């Protein structure tokens, strides 16, 4: 895809950090942007900022750890912008501590967001991308922690 103008990007973890930076870059290239985030206050502020930059942007509350939440966000994105061309599975969390002290809930949460959130994003958007026939791209944000283990961050490194 060479011309991004008028195309649509969906970005999880889009209300801050890398996600918001992607949104700014895609918006500057003329793309519509749907930000997805679990934090509604930050989400509203990010959408306002993008709109002030003349970016066609909207936001949807989305918990990537829940398949139905991602499916609902995909539908809302297509309802709003018609098509999706770029899906950025960017949301991520970190938990850790001494290996014998990491709580099971920290493992569950980290794996649900960092691994399953990507799976749900791929699944939820693939039918929409295939349906319009224009092709599309996935951007799955990862960490060097997947290559180099940091002591005390086992759930994050594993995810």
N, C-alpha and C. Protein backbone atom coordinates (compact mmCIF):
# COMPACT_ATOMS: atom_id res chain seq x y z
N UNK A 1 0.85 -1.17 0.00
CA UNK A 1 0.00 0.00 0.00
C UNK A 1 0.90 1.23 0.00
N UNK A 2 0.79 2.01 -1.06
CA UNK A 2 1.66 3.18 -1.19
C UNK A 2 0.92 4.47 -0.85
N UNK A 3 -0.34 4.56 -1.20
CA UNK A 3 -1.11 5.77 -0.92
C UNK A 3 -2.01 5.52 0.28
N UNK A 4 -1.73 6.19 1.38
CA UNK A 4 -2.50 6.01 2.61
C UNK A 4 -3.69 6.95 2.71
N UNK A 5 -3.73 7.97 1.89
CA UNK A 5 -4.77 8.98 1.95
C UNK A 5 -6.17 8.36 1.81
N UNK A 6 -7.02 8.67 2.78
CA UNK A 6 -8.39 8.18 2.77
C UNK A 6 -8.57 6.76 3.27
N UNK A 7 -7.48 6.08 3.56
CA UNK A 7 -7.56 4.73 4.10
C UNK A 7 -7.74 4.84 5.62
N UNK A 8 -8.00 3.71 6.27
CA UNK A 8 -8.30 3.72 7.70
C UNK A 8 -7.36 2.82 8.48
N UNK A 9 -6.89 3.35 9.61
CA UNK A 9 -6.06 2.59 10.55
C UNK A 9 -6.82 2.41 11.86
N UNK A 10 -6.70 1.23 12.44
CA UNK A 10 -7.24 0.90 13.76
C UNK A 10 -6.05 0.61 14.66
N UNK A 11 -6.01 1.25 15.84
CA UNK A 11 -4.84 1.13 16.71
C UNK A 11 -5.27 0.84 18.15
N UNK A 12 -4.88 -0.34 18.67
CA UNK A 12 -5.14 -0.62 20.09
C UNK A 12 -4.04 0.04 20.92
N UNK A 13 -4.38 0.36 22.16
CA UNK A 13 -3.44 1.11 22.98
C UNK A 13 -3.16 2.46 22.35
N UNK A 14 -4.18 2.98 21.66
CA UNK A 14 -4.01 4.16 20.84
C UNK A 14 -4.07 5.49 21.56
N UNK A 15 -4.39 5.48 22.84
CA UNK A 15 -4.57 6.75 23.55
C UNK A 15 -3.28 7.34 24.09
N UNK A 16 -2.18 6.61 23.98
CA UNK A 16 -0.91 7.12 24.51
C UNK A 16 0.26 6.38 23.88
N UNK A 17 1.44 6.84 24.19
CA UNK A 17 2.67 6.16 23.82
C UNK A 17 2.82 5.87 22.34
N UNK A 18 3.30 4.67 22.04
CA UNK A 18 3.55 4.26 20.66
C UNK A 18 2.26 4.33 19.84
N UNK A 19 1.14 3.91 20.42
CA UNK A 19 -0.13 3.92 19.69
C UNK A 19 -0.53 5.31 19.25
N UNK A 20 -0.43 6.28 20.13
CA UNK A 20 -0.78 7.65 19.78
C UNK A 20 0.21 8.21 18.76
N UNK A 21 1.46 7.85 18.87
CA UNK A 21 2.45 8.29 17.87
C UNK A 21 2.13 7.72 16.50
N UNK A 22 1.72 6.45 16.45
CA UNK A 22 1.29 5.87 15.17
C UNK A 22 0.10 6.64 14.62
N UNK A 23 -0.85 6.96 15.48
CA UNK A 23 -2.05 7.69 15.05
C UNK A 23 -1.68 9.04 14.46
N UNK A 24 -0.77 9.74 15.09
CA UNK A 24 -0.33 11.04 14.57
C UNK A 24 0.30 10.88 13.19
N UNK A 25 1.15 9.87 13.04
CA UNK A 25 1.83 9.65 11.76
C UNK A 25 0.83 9.25 10.68
N UNK A 26 -0.06 8.32 10.98
CA UNK A 26 -1.06 7.91 9.99
C UNK A 26 -1.98 9.07 9.63
N UNK A 27 -2.38 9.85 10.63
CA UNK A 27 -3.23 11.01 10.38
C UNK A 27 -2.53 12.04 9.50
N UNK A 28 -1.25 12.27 9.75
CA UNK A 28 -0.48 13.22 8.93
C UNK A 28 -0.37 12.74 7.48
N UNK A 29 -0.47 11.42 7.28
CA UNK A 29 -0.41 10.86 5.93
C UNK A 29 -1.79 10.83 5.27
N UNK A 30 -2.81 11.36 5.97
CA UNK A 30 -4.15 11.45 5.39
C UNK A 30 -5.08 10.31 5.71
N UNK A 31 -4.68 9.46 6.64
CA UNK A 31 -5.54 8.33 7.00
C UNK A 31 -6.59 8.72 8.03
N UNK A 32 -7.71 8.02 7.99
CA UNK A 32 -8.68 8.05 9.08
C UNK A 32 -8.10 7.17 10.17
N UNK A 33 -8.38 7.52 11.42
CA UNK A 33 -7.80 6.77 12.53
C UNK A 33 -8.88 6.44 13.55
N UNK A 34 -8.97 5.15 13.90
CA UNK A 34 -9.83 4.72 15.01
C UNK A 34 -8.90 4.28 16.13
N UNK A 35 -8.95 5.02 17.22
CA UNK A 35 -8.17 4.67 18.40
C UNK A 35 -8.99 3.74 19.28
N UNK A 36 -8.37 2.71 19.78
CA UNK A 36 -9.01 1.79 20.72
C UNK A 36 -8.17 1.77 21.98
N UNK A 37 -8.83 1.93 23.12
CA UNK A 37 -8.10 1.94 24.38
C UNK A 37 -9.07 1.60 25.50
N UNK A 38 -8.55 1.10 26.59
CA UNK A 38 -9.37 0.76 27.74
C UNK A 38 -9.61 1.99 28.63
N UNK A 39 -8.73 2.98 28.53
CA UNK A 39 -8.83 4.18 29.35
C UNK A 39 -9.61 5.25 28.60
N UNK A 40 -10.87 5.41 28.98
CA UNK A 40 -11.76 6.32 28.25
C UNK A 40 -11.36 7.79 28.34
N UNK A 41 -10.82 8.19 29.47
CA UNK A 41 -10.42 9.59 29.63
C UNK A 41 -9.26 9.93 28.69
N UNK A 42 -8.24 9.08 28.67
CA UNK A 42 -7.10 9.30 27.77
C UNK A 42 -7.54 9.17 26.31
N UNK A 43 -8.46 8.26 26.04
CA UNK A 43 -8.98 8.06 24.69
C UNK A 43 -9.64 9.33 24.17
N UNK A 44 -10.50 9.93 24.99
CA UNK A 44 -11.18 11.16 24.58
C UNK A 44 -10.18 12.28 24.32
N UNK A 45 -9.17 12.39 25.18
CA UNK A 45 -8.16 13.44 24.99
C UNK A 45 -7.36 13.22 23.71
N UNK A 46 -7.02 11.97 23.42
CA UNK A 46 -6.25 11.67 22.20
C UNK A 46 -7.06 11.96 20.95
N UNK A 47 -8.34 11.61 20.95
CA UNK A 47 -9.20 11.89 19.79
C UNK A 47 -9.32 13.39 19.58
N UNK A 48 -9.50 14.13 20.67
CA UNK A 48 -9.59 15.59 20.58
C UNK A 48 -8.31 16.17 19.97
N UNK A 49 -7.16 15.69 20.46
CA UNK A 49 -5.88 16.17 19.92
C UNK A 49 -5.78 15.92 18.42
N UNK A 50 -6.12 14.71 18.00
CA UNK A 50 -6.02 14.37 16.58
C UNK A 50 -6.99 15.21 15.75
N UNK A 51 -8.21 15.38 16.23
CA UNK A 51 -9.18 16.21 15.51
C UNK A 51 -8.68 17.65 15.38
N UNK A 52 -8.02 18.17 16.42
CA UNK A 52 -7.46 19.51 16.36
C UNK A 52 -6.34 19.61 15.32
N UNK A 53 -5.72 18.48 15.01
CA UNK A 53 -4.68 18.41 13.98
C UNK A 53 -5.30 18.15 12.60
N UNK A 54 -6.62 18.22 12.52
CA UNK A 54 -7.35 17.99 11.28
C UNK A 54 -7.32 16.53 10.82
N UNK A 55 -7.14 15.62 11.75
CA UNK A 55 -7.17 14.19 11.46
C UNK A 55 -8.58 13.68 11.69
N UNK A 56 -9.11 12.92 10.74
CA UNK A 56 -10.41 12.28 10.94
C UNK A 56 -10.18 11.11 11.89
N UNK A 57 -10.53 11.33 13.16
CA UNK A 57 -10.26 10.33 14.19
C UNK A 57 -11.48 10.12 15.06
N UNK A 58 -11.61 8.91 15.55
CA UNK A 58 -12.66 8.55 16.49
C UNK A 58 -12.05 7.58 17.49
N UNK A 59 -12.77 7.32 18.55
CA UNK A 59 -12.27 6.40 19.56
C UNK A 59 -13.34 5.40 19.97
N UNK A 60 -12.87 4.26 20.41
CA UNK A 60 -13.76 3.22 20.89
C UNK A 60 -13.10 2.56 22.11
N UNK A 61 -13.89 2.43 23.18
CA UNK A 61 -13.37 1.72 24.35
C UNK A 61 -13.25 0.26 23.98
N UNK A 62 -12.08 -0.31 24.23
CA UNK A 62 -11.84 -1.69 23.85
C UNK A 62 -10.89 -2.33 24.86
N UNK A 63 -11.30 -3.48 25.37
CA UNK A 63 -10.43 -4.30 26.22
C UNK A 63 -9.95 -5.44 25.36
N UNK A 64 -8.71 -5.39 24.91
CA UNK A 64 -8.20 -6.39 23.98
C UNK A 64 -8.11 -7.78 24.58
N UNK A 65 -8.23 -7.88 25.89
CA UNK A 65 -8.20 -9.18 26.54
C UNK A 65 -9.53 -9.92 26.39
N UNK A 66 -10.53 -9.24 25.82
CA UNK A 66 -11.85 -9.84 25.64
C UNK A 66 -12.20 -9.87 24.15
N UNK A 67 -12.33 -11.06 23.60
CA UNK A 67 -12.60 -11.25 22.17
C UNK A 67 -13.80 -10.42 21.72
N UNK A 68 -14.90 -10.46 22.47
CA UNK A 68 -16.11 -9.74 22.06
C UNK A 68 -15.89 -8.23 22.02
N UNK A 69 -15.06 -7.72 22.90
CA UNK A 69 -14.76 -6.29 22.90
C UNK A 69 -14.03 -5.90 21.62
N UNK A 70 -13.09 -6.72 21.19
CA UNK A 70 -12.35 -6.44 19.96
C UNK A 70 -13.27 -6.59 18.74
N UNK A 71 -14.13 -7.58 18.75
CA UNK A 71 -15.08 -7.75 17.64
C UNK A 71 -16.02 -6.56 17.54
N UNK A 72 -16.48 -6.05 18.69
CA UNK A 72 -17.35 -4.88 18.71
C UNK A 72 -16.61 -3.65 18.18
N UNK A 73 -15.34 -3.50 18.57
CA UNK A 73 -14.53 -2.38 18.10
C UNK A 73 -14.31 -2.45 16.58
N UNK A 74 -14.13 -3.66 16.07
CA UNK A 74 -13.97 -3.82 14.62
C UNK A 74 -15.24 -3.38 13.89
N UNK A 75 -16.38 -3.80 14.40
CA UNK A 75 -17.65 -3.42 13.79
C UNK A 75 -17.85 -1.91 13.84
N UNK A 76 -17.56 -1.30 14.99
CA UNK A 76 -17.71 0.15 15.12
C UNK A 76 -16.78 0.90 14.16
N UNK A 77 -15.60 0.35 13.93
CA UNK A 77 -14.66 0.98 13.01
C UNK A 77 -15.19 0.94 11.59
N UNK A 78 -15.68 -0.21 11.17
CA UNK A 78 -16.23 -0.34 9.82
C UNK A 78 -17.49 0.50 9.68
N UNK A 79 -18.34 0.51 10.70
CA UNK A 79 -19.54 1.34 10.66
C UNK A 79 -19.18 2.82 10.50
N UNK A 80 -18.12 3.25 11.15
CA UNK A 80 -17.72 4.66 11.14
C UNK A 80 -16.99 5.07 9.85
N UNK A 81 -16.05 4.23 9.42
CA UNK A 81 -15.18 4.63 8.31
C UNK A 81 -15.35 3.80 7.04
N UNK A 82 -16.18 2.76 7.08
CA UNK A 82 -16.45 1.96 5.89
C UNK A 82 -15.51 0.80 5.67
N UNK A 83 -14.23 1.05 5.82
CA UNK A 83 -13.22 0.01 5.57
C UNK A 83 -12.07 0.19 6.56
N UNK A 84 -11.30 -0.88 6.73
CA UNK A 84 -10.08 -0.83 7.52
C UNK A 84 -8.95 -1.39 6.67
N UNK A 85 -7.83 -0.69 6.66
CA UNK A 85 -6.69 -1.11 5.85
C UNK A 85 -5.46 -1.46 6.67
N UNK A 86 -5.32 -0.85 7.84
CA UNK A 86 -4.17 -1.11 8.71
C UNK A 86 -4.68 -1.38 10.12
N UNK A 87 -4.28 -2.50 10.68
CA UNK A 87 -4.65 -2.86 12.04
C UNK A 87 -3.37 -2.93 12.87
N UNK A 88 -3.30 -2.08 13.87
CA UNK A 88 -2.13 -2.05 14.76
C UNK A 88 -2.51 -2.66 16.10
N UNK A 89 -2.04 -3.88 16.31
CA UNK A 89 -2.24 -4.56 17.60
C UNK A 89 -1.09 -4.11 18.49
N UNK A 90 -1.33 -3.03 19.20
CA UNK A 90 -0.27 -2.33 19.91
C UNK A 90 -0.43 -2.35 21.43
N UNK A 91 -1.62 -2.59 21.95
CA UNK A 91 -1.83 -2.56 23.39
C UNK A 91 -0.92 -3.56 24.08
N UNK A 92 -0.35 -3.15 25.19
CA UNK A 92 0.53 -4.05 25.93
C UNK A 92 0.63 -3.65 27.38
N UNK A 93 0.87 -4.64 28.22
CA UNK A 93 1.02 -4.42 29.65
C UNK A 93 2.22 -5.21 30.14
N UNK A 94 2.70 -4.87 31.32
CA UNK A 94 3.81 -5.61 31.90
C UNK A 94 3.55 -5.91 33.35
N UNK A 95 3.90 -7.12 33.76
CA UNK A 95 3.80 -7.51 35.16
C UNK A 95 4.99 -8.39 35.46
N UNK A 96 5.40 -8.41 36.70
CA UNK A 96 6.54 -9.24 37.04
C UNK A 96 6.82 -9.22 38.52
N UNK A 97 8.02 -9.55 38.84
CA UNK A 97 8.49 -9.67 40.20
C UNK A 97 9.30 -10.95 40.32
N UNK A 98 9.75 -11.27 41.51
CA UNK A 98 10.46 -12.54 41.68
C UNK A 98 9.55 -13.69 41.22
N UNK A 99 10.11 -14.63 40.49
CA UNK A 99 9.32 -15.69 39.87
C UNK A 99 8.44 -16.43 40.87
N UNK A 100 8.89 -16.57 42.11
CA UNK A 100 8.08 -17.28 43.10
C UNK A 100 7.02 -16.39 43.75
N UNK A 101 6.98 -15.12 43.33
CA UNK A 101 6.01 -14.19 43.91
C UNK A 101 5.01 -13.65 42.89
N UNK A 102 5.17 -14.00 41.62
CA UNK A 102 4.25 -13.51 40.59
C UNK A 102 2.90 -14.18 40.80
N UNK A 103 1.88 -13.37 40.91
CA UNK A 103 0.53 -13.87 41.14
C UNK A 103 -0.05 -14.48 39.86
N UNK A 104 -0.85 -15.53 39.98
CA UNK A 104 -1.48 -16.12 38.80
C UNK A 104 -2.27 -15.08 37.98
N UNK A 105 -2.91 -14.14 38.65
CA UNK A 105 -3.67 -13.11 37.95
C UNK A 105 -2.80 -12.22 37.09
N UNK A 106 -1.55 -11.99 37.52
CA UNK A 106 -0.62 -11.20 36.72
C UNK A 106 -0.24 -11.95 35.44
N UNK A 107 -0.02 -13.26 35.57
CA UNK A 107 0.23 -14.08 34.38
C UNK A 107 -0.95 -14.01 33.43
N UNK A 108 -2.15 -14.25 33.97
CA UNK A 108 -3.36 -14.28 33.14
C UNK A 108 -3.56 -12.96 32.41
N UNK A 109 -3.43 -11.85 33.13
CA UNK A 109 -3.65 -10.52 32.56
C UNK A 109 -2.63 -10.22 31.46
N UNK A 110 -1.36 -10.49 31.73
CA UNK A 110 -0.31 -10.18 30.77
C UNK A 110 -0.46 -11.01 29.49
N UNK A 111 -0.72 -12.29 29.64
CA UNK A 111 -0.91 -13.16 28.47
C UNK A 111 -2.17 -12.75 27.71
N UNK A 112 -3.24 -12.42 28.43
CA UNK A 112 -4.51 -12.04 27.78
C UNK A 112 -4.33 -10.78 26.93
N UNK A 113 -3.66 -9.78 27.45
CA UNK A 113 -3.48 -8.53 26.72
C UNK A 113 -2.41 -8.67 25.63
N UNK A 114 -1.22 -9.11 26.01
CA UNK A 114 -0.08 -9.07 25.09
C UNK A 114 -0.10 -10.16 24.02
N UNK A 115 -0.69 -11.30 24.31
CA UNK A 115 -0.74 -12.37 23.32
C UNK A 115 -2.14 -12.49 22.71
N UNK A 116 -3.12 -12.72 23.55
CA UNK A 116 -4.47 -12.95 23.02
C UNK A 116 -5.06 -11.68 22.40
N UNK A 117 -4.66 -10.51 22.87
CA UNK A 117 -5.12 -9.27 22.26
C UNK A 117 -4.72 -9.19 20.79
N UNK A 118 -3.53 -9.69 20.48
CA UNK A 118 -3.06 -9.72 19.09
C UNK A 118 -3.89 -10.74 18.30
N UNK A 119 -4.09 -11.91 18.87
CA UNK A 119 -4.88 -12.95 18.20
C UNK A 119 -6.28 -12.42 17.90
N UNK A 120 -6.93 -11.81 18.89
CA UNK A 120 -8.29 -11.30 18.69
C UNK A 120 -8.32 -10.20 17.63
N UNK A 121 -7.30 -9.34 17.62
CA UNK A 121 -7.23 -8.28 16.61
C UNK A 121 -7.09 -8.85 15.21
N UNK A 122 -6.27 -9.87 15.07
CA UNK A 122 -6.10 -10.51 13.75
C UNK A 122 -7.42 -11.14 13.31
N UNK A 123 -8.05 -11.89 14.20
CA UNK A 123 -9.30 -12.57 13.88
C UNK A 123 -10.43 -11.61 13.54
N UNK A 124 -10.58 -10.58 14.36
CA UNK A 124 -11.73 -9.67 14.23
C UNK A 124 -11.69 -8.87 12.93
N UNK A 125 -10.51 -8.50 12.47
CA UNK A 125 -10.41 -7.62 11.31
C UNK A 125 -10.20 -8.34 9.98
N UNK A 126 -9.73 -9.57 10.00
CA UNK A 126 -9.45 -10.27 8.76
C UNK A 126 -10.66 -10.34 7.83
N UNK A 127 -11.85 -10.69 8.30
CA UNK A 127 -13.00 -10.72 7.38
C UNK A 127 -13.31 -9.36 6.76
N UNK A 128 -13.10 -8.29 7.52
CA UNK A 128 -13.37 -6.94 7.01
C UNK A 128 -12.35 -6.56 5.94
N UNK A 129 -11.10 -6.90 6.16
CA UNK A 129 -10.06 -6.57 5.18
C UNK A 129 -10.27 -7.39 3.90
N UNK A 130 -10.59 -8.64 4.06
CA UNK A 130 -10.83 -9.47 2.88
C UNK A 130 -12.06 -9.00 2.11
N UNK A 131 -13.08 -8.54 2.82
CA UNK A 131 -14.34 -8.15 2.19
C UNK A 131 -14.18 -6.99 1.23
N UNK A 132 -13.33 -6.00 1.55
CA UNK A 132 -13.22 -4.86 0.64
C UNK A 132 -12.25 -5.12 -0.52
N UNK A 133 -11.44 -6.14 -0.42
CA UNK A 133 -10.61 -6.54 -1.55
C UNK A 133 -9.45 -5.62 -1.90
N UNK A 134 -9.18 -4.62 -1.08
CA UNK A 134 -8.10 -3.68 -1.36
C UNK A 134 -6.80 -4.05 -0.66
N UNK A 135 -6.84 -5.12 0.10
CA UNK A 135 -5.66 -5.52 0.88
C UNK A 135 -5.54 -4.72 2.15
N UNK A 136 -4.57 -5.10 2.93
CA UNK A 136 -4.36 -4.42 4.19
C UNK A 136 -3.11 -4.94 4.87
N UNK A 137 -2.84 -4.37 6.03
CA UNK A 137 -1.64 -4.72 6.77
C UNK A 137 -1.95 -4.82 8.26
N UNK A 138 -1.20 -5.70 8.92
CA UNK A 138 -1.20 -5.77 10.39
C UNK A 138 0.15 -5.29 10.88
N UNK A 139 0.13 -4.53 11.96
CA UNK A 139 1.34 -4.12 12.65
C UNK A 139 1.19 -4.62 14.08
N UNK A 140 1.98 -5.60 14.45
CA UNK A 140 1.90 -6.19 15.79
C UNK A 140 3.12 -5.74 16.59
N UNK A 141 2.89 -4.84 17.53
CA UNK A 141 3.98 -4.29 18.33
C UNK A 141 4.53 -5.37 19.25
N UNK A 142 5.85 -5.45 19.31
CA UNK A 142 6.51 -6.41 20.18
C UNK A 142 7.59 -5.69 20.99
N UNK A 143 8.26 -6.44 21.81
CA UNK A 143 9.29 -5.88 22.67
C UNK A 143 10.57 -6.69 22.55
N UNK A 144 11.68 -6.04 22.75
CA UNK A 144 12.95 -6.76 22.81
C UNK A 144 12.96 -7.76 23.95
N UNK A 145 12.05 -7.61 24.90
CA UNK A 145 11.97 -8.57 26.01
C UNK A 145 11.62 -9.97 25.51
N UNK A 146 11.08 -10.05 24.30
CA UNK A 146 10.82 -11.36 23.71
C UNK A 146 12.09 -12.04 23.24
N UNK A 147 13.15 -11.28 23.11
CA UNK A 147 14.44 -11.82 22.65
C UNK A 147 15.46 -11.91 23.79
N UNK A 148 15.35 -10.96 24.71
CA UNK A 148 16.31 -10.88 25.82
C UNK A 148 15.51 -10.84 27.12
N UNK A 149 15.63 -11.87 27.91
CA UNK A 149 14.86 -11.96 29.15
C UNK A 149 15.40 -11.01 30.21
N UNK A 150 14.49 -10.26 30.79
CA UNK A 150 14.84 -9.35 31.87
C UNK A 150 14.44 -10.02 33.18
N UNK A 151 15.36 -10.20 34.11
CA UNK A 151 14.99 -10.84 35.38
C UNK A 151 13.85 -10.12 36.07
N UNK A 152 12.90 -10.90 36.56
CA UNK A 152 11.77 -10.34 37.27
C UNK A 152 10.61 -9.93 36.38
N UNK A 153 10.71 -10.17 35.08
CA UNK A 153 9.65 -9.80 34.16
C UNK A 153 9.18 -11.00 33.35
N UNK A 154 9.12 -12.16 33.98
CA UNK A 154 8.81 -13.39 33.26
C UNK A 154 7.46 -13.37 32.52
N UNK A 155 6.37 -12.88 33.13
CA UNK A 155 5.12 -12.85 32.36
C UNK A 155 5.23 -11.98 31.10
N UNK A 156 5.85 -10.83 31.24
CA UNK A 156 6.01 -9.93 30.10
C UNK A 156 6.91 -10.56 29.05
N UNK A 157 8.03 -11.13 29.46
CA UNK A 157 8.94 -11.75 28.52
C UNK A 157 8.28 -12.92 27.80
N UNK A 158 7.54 -13.73 28.50
CA UNK A 158 6.87 -14.88 27.90
C UNK A 158 5.82 -14.44 26.87
N UNK A 159 5.19 -13.30 27.13
CA UNK A 159 4.13 -12.85 26.23
C UNK A 159 4.71 -12.16 25.01
